[in-house]
Structure formats: structure tokens, C-alpha cells
Amino acid sequence: VGLKVVRDGQEIGHVARVDHLPAQDLLAIQTSDKEVLLPFVK
């Protein structure tokens, strides 16, 4: 939580929280205008 999220060398947001679900964990990434849930897989 709070780590910067980088895509293609550019910061696009930060980790708002980690959702622990039965199938896999999801990273809730807060961008400048929305929240995106991203599967936490390699």
C-alpha cells in the first residue's frame, strides 16, 4: 500500500489497497481519475 505504480517507465498511480480473493489477490491502483483492479500475478 502506497507504492508507486510504474508502467512503461512512467508513474501512473499508487497502490491504494490489496484485495485478497479466493482465486488471486488484486491490487487496487489509484490513478489520477479512477481506481483499477489489477490481478497480482507475475
PDB file of all heavy atoms in Angstrom:
ATOM      1  N   VAL A   1       0.842  -1.199   0.000  1.00  0.00           N
ATOM      2  CA  VAL A   1       0.000   0.000   0.000  1.00  0.00           C
ATOM      3  C   VAL A   1       0.873   1.244   0.000  1.00  0.00           C
ATOM      4  O   VAL A   1       1.802   1.378   0.791  1.00  0.00           O
ATOM      5  CB  VAL A   1      -0.964  -0.003   1.212  1.00  0.00           C
ATOM      6  CG1 VAL A   1      -1.728   1.308   1.300  1.00  0.00           C
ATOM      7  CG2 VAL A   1      -1.925  -1.174   1.105  1.00  0.00           C
ATOM      8  N   GLY A   2       0.581   2.140  -0.939  1.00  0.00           N
ATOM      9  CA  GLY A   2       1.325   3.389  -1.048  1.00  0.00           C
ATOM     10  C   GLY A   2       2.459   3.352  -2.058  1.00  0.00           C
ATOM     11  O   GLY A   2       3.005   4.395  -2.417  1.00  0.00           O
ATOM     12  N   LEU A   3       2.827   2.143  -2.536  1.00  0.00           N
ATOM     13  CA  LEU A   3       3.919   2.067  -3.507  1.00  0.00           C
ATOM     14  C   LEU A   3       3.505   2.691  -4.834  1.00  0.00           C
ATOM     15  O   LEU A   3       2.352   2.614  -5.247  1.00  0.00           O
ATOM     16  CB  LEU A   3       4.332   0.608  -3.751  1.00  0.00           C
ATOM     17  CG  LEU A   3       4.911  -0.171  -2.575  1.00  0.00           C
ATOM     18  CD1 LEU A   3       5.394  -1.539  -3.047  1.00  0.00           C
ATOM     19  CD2 LEU A   3       6.034   0.581  -1.910  1.00  0.00           C
ATOM     20  N   LYS A   4       4.465   3.342  -5.503  1.00  0.00           N
ATOM     21  CA  LYS A   4       4.221   3.928  -6.813  1.00  0.00           C
ATOM     22  C   LYS A   4       4.069   2.809  -7.839  1.00  0.00           C
ATOM     23  O   LYS A   4       4.801   1.821  -7.794  1.00  0.00           O
ATOM     24  CB  LYS A   4       5.382   4.828  -7.238  1.00  0.00           C
ATOM     25  CG  LYS A   4       5.557   6.058  -6.388  1.00  0.00           C
ATOM     26  CD  LYS A   4       6.691   6.907  -6.909  1.00  0.00           C
ATOM     27  CE  LYS A   4       8.005   6.224  -6.555  1.00  0.00           C
ATOM     28  NZ  LYS A   4       9.183   7.042  -6.872  1.00  0.00           N
ATOM     29  N   VAL A   5       3.143   2.989  -8.769  1.00  0.00           N
ATOM     30  CA  VAL A   5       2.925   2.018  -9.834  1.00  0.00           C
ATOM     31  C   VAL A   5       3.482   2.608 -11.124  1.00  0.00           C
ATOM     32  O   VAL A   5       3.104   3.702 -11.532  1.00  0.00           O
ATOM     33  CB  VAL A   5       1.431   1.683  -9.987  1.00  0.00           C
ATOM     34  CG1 VAL A   5       1.218   0.708 -11.131  1.00  0.00           C
ATOM     35  CG2 VAL A   5       0.897   1.095  -8.682  1.00  0.00           C
ATOM     36  N   VAL A   6       4.409   1.858 -11.757  1.00  0.00           N
ATOM     37  CA  VAL A   6       5.105   2.337 -12.954  1.00  0.00           C
ATOM     38  C   VAL A   6       4.767   1.440 -14.136  1.00  0.00           C
ATOM     39  O   VAL A   6       4.828   0.215 -14.034  1.00  0.00           O
ATOM     40  CB  VAL A   6       6.634   2.354 -12.722  1.00  0.00           C
ATOM     41  CG1 VAL A   6       7.375   2.787 -13.968  1.00  0.00           C
ATOM     42  CG2 VAL A   6       6.982   3.249 -11.542  1.00  0.00           C
ATOM     43  N   ARG A   7       4.420   2.089 -15.249  1.00  0.00           N
ATOM     44  CA  ARG A   7       4.119   1.372 -16.497  1.00  0.00           C
ATOM     45  C   ARG A   7       4.887   2.058 -17.621  1.00  0.00           C
ATOM     46  O   ARG A   7       4.788   3.271 -17.781  1.00  0.00           O
ATOM     47  CB  ARG A   7       2.628   1.440 -16.784  1.00  0.00           C
ATOM     48  CG  ARG A   7       2.249   0.814 -18.103  1.00  0.00           C
ATOM     49  CD  ARG A   7       0.787   1.013 -18.352  1.00  0.00           C
ATOM     50  NE  ARG A   7       0.402   0.391 -19.595  1.00  0.00           N
ATOM     51  CZ  ARG A   7      -0.757   0.595 -20.181  1.00  0.00           C
ATOM     52  NH1 ARG A   7      -1.645   1.396 -19.631  1.00  0.00           N
ATOM     53  NH2 ARG A   7      -1.034   0.005 -21.316  1.00  0.00           N
ATOM     54  N   ASP A   8       5.644   1.288 -18.376  1.00  0.00           N
ATOM     55  CA  ASP A   8       6.438   1.833 -19.489  1.00  0.00           C
ATOM     56  C   ASP A   8       7.306   3.006 -19.041  1.00  0.00           C
ATOM     57  O   ASP A   8       7.437   4.003 -19.745  1.00  0.00           O
ATOM     58  CB  ASP A   8       5.527   2.259 -20.648  1.00  0.00           C
ATOM     59  CG  ASP A   8       4.744   1.100 -21.243  1.00  0.00           C
ATOM     60  OD1 ASP A   8       5.280  -0.040 -21.233  1.00  0.00           O
ATOM     61  OD2 ASP A   8       3.612   1.312 -21.710  1.00  0.00           O
ATOM     62  N   GLY A   9       7.877   2.914 -17.837  1.00  0.00           N
ATOM     63  CA  GLY A   9       8.777   3.941 -17.329  1.00  0.00           C
ATOM     64  C   GLY A   9       8.112   5.172 -16.758  1.00  0.00           C
ATOM     65  O   GLY A   9       8.785   6.089 -16.304  1.00  0.00           O
ATOM     66  N   GLN A  10       6.762   5.212 -16.741  1.00  0.00           N
ATOM     67  CA  GLN A  10       6.048   6.373 -16.221  1.00  0.00           C
ATOM     68  C   GLN A  10       5.182   5.982 -15.034  1.00  0.00           C
ATOM     69  O   GLN A  10       4.522   4.943 -15.056  1.00  0.00           O
ATOM     70  CB  GLN A  10       5.163   6.988 -17.303  1.00  0.00           C
ATOM     71  CG  GLN A  10       5.936   7.579 -18.454  1.00  0.00           C
ATOM     72  CD  GLN A  10       5.018   8.304 -19.419  1.00  0.00           C
ATOM     73  OE1 GLN A  10       3.843   8.523 -19.156  1.00  0.00           O
ATOM     74  NE2 GLN A  10       5.561   8.685 -20.560  1.00  0.00           N
ATOM     75  N   GLU A  11       5.180   6.832 -14.017  1.00  0.00           N
ATOM     76  CA  GLU A  11       4.333   6.589 -12.860  1.00  0.00           C
ATOM     77  C   GLU A  11       2.885   6.865 -13.246  1.00  0.00           C
ATOM     78  O   GLU A  11       2.566   7.930 -13.785  1.00  0.00           O
ATOM     79  CB  GLU A  11       4.747   7.495 -11.700  1.00  0.00           C
ATOM     80  CG  GLU A  11       3.947   7.244 -10.448  1.00  0.00           C
ATOM     81  CD  GLU A  11       4.353   8.121  -9.287  1.00  0.00           C
ATOM     82  OE1 GLU A  11       5.472   8.683  -9.307  1.00  0.00           O
ATOM     83  OE2 GLU A  11       3.552   8.255  -8.353  1.00  0.00           O
ATOM     84  N   ILE A  12       2.011   5.895 -12.990  1.00  0.00           N
ATOM     85  CA  ILE A  12       0.601   6.065 -13.351  1.00  0.00           C
ATOM     86  C   ILE A  12      -0.325   6.125 -12.143  1.00  0.00           C
ATOM     87  O   ILE A  12      -1.506   6.412 -12.282  1.00  0.00           O
ATOM     88  CB  ILE A  12       0.129   4.955 -14.300  1.00  0.00           C
ATOM     89  CG1 ILE A  12       0.263   3.590 -13.631  1.00  0.00           C
ATOM     90  CG2 ILE A  12       0.860   4.996 -15.614  1.00  0.00           C
ATOM     91  CD1 ILE A  12      -0.518   2.513 -14.333  1.00  0.00           C
ATOM     92  N   GLY A  13       0.209   5.864 -10.956  1.00  0.00           N
ATOM     93  CA  GLY A  13      -0.618   5.904  -9.764  1.00  0.00           C
ATOM     94  C   GLY A  13       0.082   5.257  -8.591  1.00  0.00           C
ATOM     95  O   GLY A  13       1.307   5.143  -8.569  1.00  0.00           O
ATOM     96  N   HIS A  14      -0.723   4.819  -7.620  1.00  0.00           N
ATOM     97  CA  HIS A  14      -0.171   4.152  -6.433  1.00  0.00           C
ATOM     98  C   HIS A  14      -1.127   3.050  -5.984  1.00  0.00           C
ATOM     99  O   HIS A  14      -2.299   3.049  -6.350  1.00  0.00           O
ATOM    100  CB  HIS A  14       0.067   5.163  -5.303  1.00  0.00           C
ATOM    101  CG  HIS A  14      -1.210   5.711  -4.726  1.00  0.00           C
ATOM    102  ND1 HIS A  14      -1.879   6.772  -5.283  1.00  0.00           N
ATOM    103  CD2 HIS A  14      -1.949   5.306  -3.668  1.00  0.00           C
ATOM    104  CE1 HIS A  14      -2.969   7.026  -4.572  1.00  0.00           C
ATOM    105  NE2 HIS A  14      -3.037   6.147  -3.593  1.00  0.00           N
ATOM    106  N   VAL A  15      -0.589   2.133  -5.198  1.00  0.00           N
ATOM    107  CA  VAL A  15      -1.400   1.038  -4.665  1.00  0.00           C
ATOM    108  C   VAL A  15      -2.230   1.579  -3.509  1.00  0.00           C
ATOM    109  O   VAL A  15      -1.690   2.061  -2.513  1.00  0.00           O
ATOM    110  CB  VAL A  15      -0.520  -0.136  -4.194  1.00  0.00           C
ATOM    111  CG1 VAL A  15      -1.390  -1.235  -3.576  1.00  0.00           C
ATOM    112  CG2 VAL A  15       0.314  -0.683  -5.335  1.00  0.00           C
ATOM    113  N   ALA A  16      -3.557   1.522  -3.671  1.00  0.00           N
ATOM    114  CA  ALA A  16      -4.459   2.000  -2.631  1.00  0.00           C
ATOM    115  C   ALA A  16      -4.722   0.914  -1.586  1.00  0.00           C
ATOM    116  O   ALA A  16      -4.844   1.191  -0.397  1.00  0.00           O
ATOM    117  CB  ALA A  16      -5.775   2.457  -3.252  1.00  0.00           C
ATOM    118  N   ARG A  17      -4.818  -0.330  -2.071  1.00  0.00           N
ATOM    119  CA  ARG A  17      -5.053  -1.460  -1.157  1.00  0.00           C
ATOM    120  C   ARG A  17      -4.802  -2.760  -1.910  1.00  0.00           C
ATOM    121  O   ARG A  17      -4.665  -2.761  -3.126  1.00  0.00           O
ATOM    122  CB  ARG A  17      -6.463  -1.438  -0.577  1.00  0.00           C
ATOM    123  CG  ARG A  17      -7.540  -1.698  -1.588  1.00  0.00           C
ATOM    124  CD  ARG A  17      -8.950  -1.679  -0.960  1.00  0.00           C
ATOM    125  NE  ARG A  17      -9.901  -2.137  -1.957  1.00  0.00           N
ATOM    126  CZ  ARG A  17     -10.360  -1.397  -2.959  1.00  0.00           C
ATOM    127  NH1 ARG A  17      -9.967  -0.143  -3.086  1.00  0.00           N
ATOM    128  NH2 ARG A  17     -11.210  -1.904  -3.835  1.00  0.00           N
ATOM    129  N   VAL A  18      -4.776  -3.856  -1.180  1.00  0.00           N
ATOM    130  CA  VAL A  18      -4.658  -5.185  -1.771  1.00  0.00           C
ATOM    131  C   VAL A  18      -5.904  -5.963  -1.351  1.00  0.00           C
ATOM    132  O   VAL A  18      -6.194  -6.074  -0.156  1.00  0.00           O
ATOM    133  CB  VAL A  18      -3.384  -5.916  -1.294  1.00  0.00           C
ATOM    134  CG1 VAL A  18      -3.304  -7.307  -1.907  1.00  0.00           C
ATOM    135  CG2 VAL A  18      -2.138  -5.107  -1.637  1.00  0.00           C
ATOM    136  N   ASP A  19      -6.658  -6.446  -2.345  1.00  0.00           N
ATOM    137  CA  ASP A  19      -7.846  -7.252  -2.065  1.00  0.00           C
ATOM    138  C   ASP A  19      -7.457  -8.723  -2.151  1.00  0.00           C
ATOM    139  O   ASP A  19      -6.945  -9.169  -3.176  1.00  0.00           O
ATOM    140  CB  ASP A  19      -8.952  -6.956  -3.080  1.00  0.00           C
ATOM    141  CG  ASP A  19      -9.508  -5.545  -2.943  1.00  0.00           C
ATOM    142  OD1 ASP A  19      -9.319  -4.923  -1.876  1.00  0.00           O
ATOM    143  OD2 ASP A  19     -10.149  -5.074  -3.898  1.00  0.00           O
ATOM    144  N   HIS A  20      -7.698  -9.457  -1.079  1.00  0.00           N
ATOM    145  CA  HIS A  20      -7.367 -10.883  -1.033  1.00  0.00           C
ATOM    146  C   HIS A  20      -8.616 -11.686  -1.378  1.00  0.00           C
ATOM    147  O   HIS A  20      -9.555 -11.749  -0.592  1.00  0.00           O
ATOM    148  CB  HIS A  20      -6.839 -11.271   0.348  1.00  0.00           C
ATOM    149  CG  HIS A  20      -5.629 -10.489   0.746  1.00  0.00           C
ATOM    150  ND1 HIS A  20      -4.381 -10.738   0.229  1.00  0.00           N
ATOM    151  CD2 HIS A  20      -5.485  -9.439   1.594  1.00  0.00           C
ATOM    152  CE1 HIS A  20      -3.512  -9.885   0.743  1.00  0.00           C
ATOM    153  NE2 HIS A  20      -4.161  -9.088   1.569  1.00  0.00           N
ATOM    154  N   LEU A  21      -8.626 -12.271  -2.574  1.00  0.00           N
ATOM    155  CA  LEU A  21      -9.763 -13.060  -3.030  1.00  0.00           C
ATOM    156  C   LEU A  21      -9.367 -14.536  -3.101  1.00  0.00           C
ATOM    157  O   LEU A  21      -8.172 -14.854  -3.133  1.00  0.00           O
ATOM    158  CB  LEU A  21     -10.216 -12.563  -4.404  1.00  0.00           C
ATOM    159  CG  LEU A  21     -10.621 -11.086  -4.465  1.00  0.00           C
ATOM    160  CD1 LEU A  21     -11.001 -10.691  -5.877  1.00  0.00           C
ATOM    161  CD2 LEU A  21     -11.775 -10.812  -3.516  1.00  0.00           C
ATOM    162  N   PRO A  22     -10.343 -15.438  -3.146  1.00  0.00           N
ATOM    163  CA  PRO A  22     -10.012 -16.866  -3.179  1.00  0.00           C
ATOM    164  C   PRO A  22      -9.122 -17.276  -4.360  1.00  0.00           C
ATOM    165  O   PRO A  22      -8.205 -18.066  -4.201  1.00  0.00           O
ATOM    166  CB  PRO A  22     -11.379 -17.541  -3.275  1.00  0.00           C
ATOM    167  CG  PRO A  22     -12.327 -16.558  -2.703  1.00  0.00           C
ATOM    168  CD  PRO A  22     -11.779 -15.210  -3.060  1.00  0.00           C
ATOM    169  N   ALA A  23      -9.379 -16.738  -5.538  1.00  0.00           N
ATOM    170  CA  ALA A  23      -8.624 -17.149  -6.726  1.00  0.00           C
ATOM    171  C   ALA A  23      -7.245 -16.505  -6.787  1.00  0.00           C
ATOM    172  O   ALA A  23      -6.264 -17.150  -7.148  1.00  0.00           O
ATOM    173  CB  ALA A  23      -9.404 -16.817  -7.992  1.00  0.00           C
ATOM    174  N   GLN A  24      -7.181 -15.206  -6.474  1.00  0.00           N
ATOM    175  CA  GLN A  24      -5.907 -14.474  -6.523  1.00  0.00           C
ATOM    176  C   GLN A  24      -6.082 -13.137  -5.837  1.00  0.00           C
ATOM    177  O   GLN A  24      -7.194 -12.686  -5.606  1.00  0.00           O
ATOM    178  CB  GLN A  24      -5.470 -14.255  -7.964  1.00  0.00           C
ATOM    179  CG  GLN A  24      -6.406 -13.366  -8.755  1.00  0.00           C
ATOM    180  CD  GLN A  24      -6.130 -13.400 -10.240  1.00  0.00           C
ATOM    181  OE1 GLN A  24      -5.412 -14.250 -10.715  1.00  0.00           O
ATOM    182  NE2 GLN A  24      -6.705 -12.491 -10.975  1.00  0.00           N
ATOM    183  N   ASP A  25      -4.972 -12.509  -5.517  1.00  0.00           N
ATOM    184  CA  ASP A  25      -5.010 -11.171  -4.936  1.00  0.00           C
ATOM    185  C   ASP A  25      -5.145 -10.149  -6.051  1.00  0.00           C
ATOM    186  O   ASP A  25      -4.680 -10.352  -7.178  1.00  0.00           O
ATOM    187  CB  ASP A  25      -3.739 -10.887  -4.143  1.00  0.00           C
ATOM    188  CG  ASP A  25      -3.624 -11.748  -2.897  1.00  0.00           C
ATOM    189  OD1 ASP A  25      -4.651 -12.292  -2.450  1.00  0.00           O
ATOM    190  OD2 ASP A  25      -2.511 -11.873  -2.377  1.00  0.00           O
ATOM    191  N   LEU A  26      -5.797  -9.031  -5.734  1.00  0.00           N
ATOM    192  CA  LEU A  26      -5.921  -7.924  -6.671  1.00  0.00           C
ATOM    193  C   LEU A  26      -5.293  -6.685  -6.066  1.00  0.00           C
ATOM    194  O   LEU A  26      -5.475  -6.410  -4.879  1.00  0.00           O
ATOM    195  CB  LEU A  26      -7.398  -7.626  -6.971  1.00  0.00           C
ATOM    196  CG  LEU A  26      -8.215  -8.682  -7.684  1.00  0.00           C
ATOM    197  CD1 LEU A  26      -9.676  -8.242  -7.780  1.00  0.00           C
ATOM    198  CD2 LEU A  26      -7.661  -8.938  -9.076  1.00  0.00           C
ATOM    199  N   LEU A  27      -4.557  -5.936  -6.885  1.00  0.00           N
ATOM    200  CA  LEU A  27      -4.035  -4.647  -6.455  1.00  0.00           C
ATOM    201  C   LEU A  27      -5.048  -3.585  -6.871  1.00  0.00           C
ATOM    202  O   LEU A  27      -5.436  -3.521  -8.041  1.00  0.00           O
ATOM    203  CB  LEU A  27      -2.694  -4.347  -7.128  1.00  0.00           C
ATOM    204  CG  LEU A  27      -1.540  -5.281  -6.814  1.00  0.00           C
ATOM    205  CD1 LEU A  27      -0.306  -4.859  -7.613  1.00  0.00           C
ATOM    206  CD2 LEU A  27      -1.224  -5.279  -5.334  1.00  0.00           C
ATOM    207  N   ALA A  28      -5.477  -2.771  -5.926  1.00  0.00           N
ATOM    208  CA  ALA A  28      -6.342  -1.636  -6.241  1.00  0.00           C
ATOM    209  C   ALA A  28      -5.414  -0.460  -6.495  1.00  0.00           C
ATOM    210  O   ALA A  28      -4.763   0.038  -5.583  1.00  0.00           O
ATOM    211  CB  ALA A  28      -7.298  -1.347  -5.095  1.00  0.00           C
ATOM    212  N   ILE A  29      -5.332  -0.043  -7.764  1.00  0.00           N
ATOM    213  CA  ILE A  29      -4.409   1.015  -8.151  1.00  0.00           C
ATOM    214  C   ILE A  29      -5.195   2.297  -8.378  1.00  0.00           C
ATOM    215  O   ILE A  29      -6.122   2.337  -9.199  1.00  0.00           O
ATOM    216  CB  ILE A  29      -3.628   0.622  -9.416  1.00  0.00           C
ATOM    217  CG1 ILE A  29      -2.810  -0.631  -9.103  1.00  0.00           C
ATOM    218  CG2 ILE A  29      -2.740   1.774  -9.883  1.00  0.00           C
ATOM    219  CD1 ILE A  29      -2.113  -1.227 -10.284  1.00  0.00           C
ATOM    220  N   GLN A  30      -4.822   3.336  -7.639  1.00  0.00           N
ATOM    221  CA  GLN A  30      -5.466   4.630  -7.779  1.00  0.00           C
ATOM    222  C   GLN A  30      -4.679   5.471  -8.764  1.00  0.00           C
ATOM    223  O   GLN A  30      -3.510   5.760  -8.545  1.00  0.00           O
ATOM    224  CB  GLN A  30      -5.543   5.346  -6.422  1.00  0.00           C
ATOM    225  CG  GLN A  30      -6.277   6.661  -6.473  1.00  0.00           C
ATOM    226  CD  GLN A  30      -7.744   6.475  -6.861  1.00  0.00           C
ATOM    227  OE1 GLN A  30      -8.459   5.666  -6.276  1.00  0.00           O
ATOM    228  NE2 GLN A  30      -8.187   7.225  -7.853  1.00  0.00           N
ATOM    229  N   THR A  31      -5.322   5.824  -9.894  1.00  0.00           N
ATOM    230  CA  THR A  31      -4.707   6.710 -10.877  1.00  0.00           C
ATOM    231  C   THR A  31      -5.224   8.115 -10.591  1.00  0.00           C
ATOM    232  O   THR A  31      -5.932   8.335  -9.610  1.00  0.00           O
ATOM    233  CB  THR A  31      -5.048   6.283 -12.318  1.00  0.00           C
ATOM    234  OG1 THR A  31      -6.446   6.460 -12.539  1.00  0.00           O
ATOM    235  CG2 THR A  31      -4.659   4.831 -12.573  1.00  0.00           C
ATOM    236  N   SER A  32      -4.926   9.048 -11.461  1.00  0.00           N
ATOM    237  CA  SER A  32      -5.375  10.418 -11.235  1.00  0.00           C
ATOM    238  C   SER A  32      -6.888  10.568 -11.309  1.00  0.00           C
ATOM    239  O   SER A  32      -7.449  11.470 -10.703  1.00  0.00           O
ATOM    240  CB  SER A  32      -4.715  11.360 -12.242  1.00  0.00           C
ATOM    241  OG  SER A  32      -5.076  10.987 -13.561  1.00  0.00           O
ATOM    242  N   ASP A  33      -7.561   9.656 -12.029  1.00  0.00           N
ATOM    243  CA  ASP A  33      -9.007   9.829 -12.187  1.00  0.00           C
ATOM    244  C   ASP A  33      -9.868   8.616 -11.852  1.00  0.00           C
ATOM    245  O   ASP A  33     -11.087   8.704 -11.880  1.00  0.00           O
ATOM    246  CB  ASP A  33      -9.314  10.284 -13.614  1.00  0.00           C
ATOM    247  CG  ASP A  33      -8.877   9.278 -14.666  1.00  0.00           C
ATOM    248  OD1 ASP A  33      -8.075   8.396 -14.350  1.00  0.00           O
ATOM    249  OD2 ASP A  33      -9.340   9.388 -15.813  1.00  0.00           O
ATOM    250  N   LYS A  34      -9.261   7.464 -11.549  1.00  0.00           N
ATOM    251  CA  LYS A  34     -10.072   6.291 -11.244  1.00  0.00           C
ATOM    252  C   LYS A  34      -9.261   5.247 -10.488  1.00  0.00           C
ATOM    253  O   LYS A  34      -8.051   5.368 -10.342  1.00  0.00           O
ATOM    254  CB  LYS A  34     -10.644   5.675 -12.515  1.00  0.00           C
ATOM    255  CG  LYS A  34      -9.584   5.126 -13.475  1.00  0.00           C
ATOM    256  CD  LYS A  34     -10.230   4.580 -14.731  1.00  0.00           C
ATOM    257  CE  LYS A  34      -9.177   4.137 -15.719  1.00  0.00           C
ATOM    258  NZ  LYS A  34      -9.767   3.573 -16.920  1.00  0.00           N
ATOM    259  N   GLU A  35      -9.972   4.220 -10.023  1.00  0.00           N
ATOM    260  CA  GLU A  35      -9.325   3.080  -9.383  1.00  0.00           C
ATOM    261  C   GLU A  35      -9.433   1.887 -10.324  1.00  0.00           C
ATOM    262  O   GLU A  35     -10.490   1.628 -10.897  1.00  0.00           O
ATOM    263  CB  GLU A  35     -10.008   2.764  -8.058  1.00  0.00           C
ATOM    264  CG  GLU A  35      -9.353   1.611  -7.321  1.00  0.00           C
ATOM    265  CD  GLU A  35     -10.027   1.322  -6.003  1.00  0.00           C
ATOM    266  OE1 GLU A  35      -9.625   1.936  -4.999  1.00  0.00           O
ATOM    267  OE2 GLU A  35     -10.961   0.506  -5.988  1.00  0.00           O
ATOM    268  N   VAL A  36      -8.326   1.164 -10.492  1.00  0.00           N
ATOM    269  CA  VAL A  36      -8.286  -0.002 -11.370  1.00  0.00           C
ATOM    270  C   VAL A  36      -7.858  -1.204 -10.540  1.00  0.00           C
ATOM    271  O   VAL A  36      -6.899  -1.122  -9.774  1.00  0.00           O
ATOM    272  CB  VAL A  36      -7.284   0.215 -12.529  1.00  0.00           C
ATOM    273  CG1 VAL A  36      -7.194  -1.022 -13.397  1.00  0.00           C
ATOM    274  CG2 VAL A  36      -7.678   1.433 -13.356  1.00  0.00           C
ATOM    275  N   LEU A  37      -8.576  -2.309 -10.693  1.00  0.00           N
ATOM    276  CA  LEU A  37      -8.208  -3.552 -10.015  1.00  0.00           C
ATOM    277  C   LEU A  37      -7.347  -4.372 -10.961  1.00  0.00           C
ATOM    278  O   LEU A  37      -7.744  -4.660 -12.086  1.00  0.00           O
ATOM    279  CB  LEU A  37      -9.451  -4.332  -9.604  1.00  0.00           C
ATOM    280  CG  LEU A  37     -10.325  -3.650  -8.559  1.00  0.00           C
ATOM    281  CD1 LEU A  37     -11.573  -4.476  -8.295  1.00  0.00           C
ATOM    282  CD2 LEU A  37      -9.566  -3.396  -7.275  1.00  0.00           C
ATOM    283  N   LEU A  38      -6.164  -4.740 -10.484  1.00  0.00           N
ATOM    284  CA  LEU A  38      -5.192  -5.441 -11.312  1.00  0.00           C
ATOM    285  C   LEU A  38      -4.837  -6.772 -10.661  1.00  0.00           C
ATOM    286  O   LEU A  38      -4.441  -6.808  -9.487  1.00  0.00           O
ATOM    287  CB  LEU A  38      -3.928  -4.578 -11.439  1.00  0.00           C
ATOM    288  CG  LEU A  38      -2.843  -5.083 -12.360  1.00  0.00           C
ATOM    289  CD1 LEU A  38      -3.279  -4.927 -13.820  1.00  0.00           C
ATOM    290  CD2 LEU A  38      -1.563  -4.287 -12.152  1.00  0.00           C
ATOM    291  N   PRO A  39      -4.984  -7.889 -11.387  1.00  0.00           N
ATOM    292  CA  PRO A  39      -4.581  -9.176 -10.818  1.00  0.00           C
ATOM    293  C   PRO A  39      -3.099  -9.152 -10.429  1.00  0.00           C
ATOM    294  O   PRO A  39      -2.253  -8.706 -11.198  1.00  0.00           O
ATOM    295  CB  PRO A  39      -4.825 -10.165 -11.961  1.00  0.00           C
ATOM    296  CG  PRO A  39      -5.839  -9.504 -12.832  1.00  0.00           C
ATOM    297  CD  PRO A  39      -5.531  -8.033 -12.748  1.00  0.00           C
ATOM    298  N   PHE A  40      -2.809  -9.596  -9.228  1.00  0.00           N
ATOM    299  CA  PHE A  40      -1.432  -9.600  -8.721  1.00  0.00           C
ATOM    300  C   PHE A  40      -0.785 -10.921  -9.108  1.00  0.00           C
ATOM    301  O   PHE A  40      -0.639 -11.838  -8.301  1.00  0.00           O
ATOM    302  CB  PHE A  40      -1.448  -9.384  -7.211  1.00  0.00           C
ATOM    303  CG  PHE A  40      -0.092  -9.131  -6.615  1.00  0.00           C
ATOM    304  CD1 PHE A  40       0.918  -8.533  -7.340  1.00  0.00           C
ATOM    305  CD2 PHE A  40       0.165  -9.474  -5.303  1.00  0.00           C
ATOM    306  CE1 PHE A  40       2.173  -8.293  -6.788  1.00  0.00           C
ATOM    307  CE2 PHE A  40       1.411  -9.233  -4.724  1.00  0.00           C
ATOM    308  CZ  PHE A  40       2.404  -8.645  -5.477  1.00  0.00           C
ATOM    309  N   VAL A  41      -0.423 -11.017 -10.403  1.00  0.00           N
ATOM    310  CA  VAL A  41       0.230 -12.207 -10.948  1.00  0.00           C
ATOM    311  C   VAL A  41       1.516 -11.785 -11.649  1.00  0.00           C
ATOM    312  O   VAL A  41       1.637 -10.660 -12.138  1.00  0.00           O
ATOM    313  CB  VAL A  41      -0.691 -12.967 -11.930  1.00  0.00           C
ATOM    314  CG1 VAL A  41      -1.903 -13.538 -11.206  1.00  0.00           C
ATOM    315  CG2 VAL A  41      -1.126 -12.096 -13.089  1.00  0.00           C
ATOM    316  N   LYS A  42       2.482 -12.686 -11.700  1.00  0.00           N
ATOM    317  CA  LYS A  42       3.814 -12.391 -12.249  1.00  0.00           C
ATOM    318  C   LYS A  42       3.771 -11.866 -13.687  1.00  0.00           C
ATOM    319  O   LYS A  42       4.550 -10.995 -14.057  1.00  0.00           O
ATOM    320  CB  LYS A  42       4.678 -13.650 -12.171  1.00  0.00           C
ATOM    321  CG  LYS A  42       6.111 -13.452 -12.573  1.00  0.00           C
ATOM    322  CD  LYS A  42       6.907 -12.829 -11.461  1.00  0.00           C
ATOM    323  CE  LYS A  42       8.389 -12.843 -11.797  1.00  0.00           C
ATOM    324  NZ  LYS A  42       9.143 -12.001 -10.903  1.00  0.00           N
TER     325      LYS A  42
END
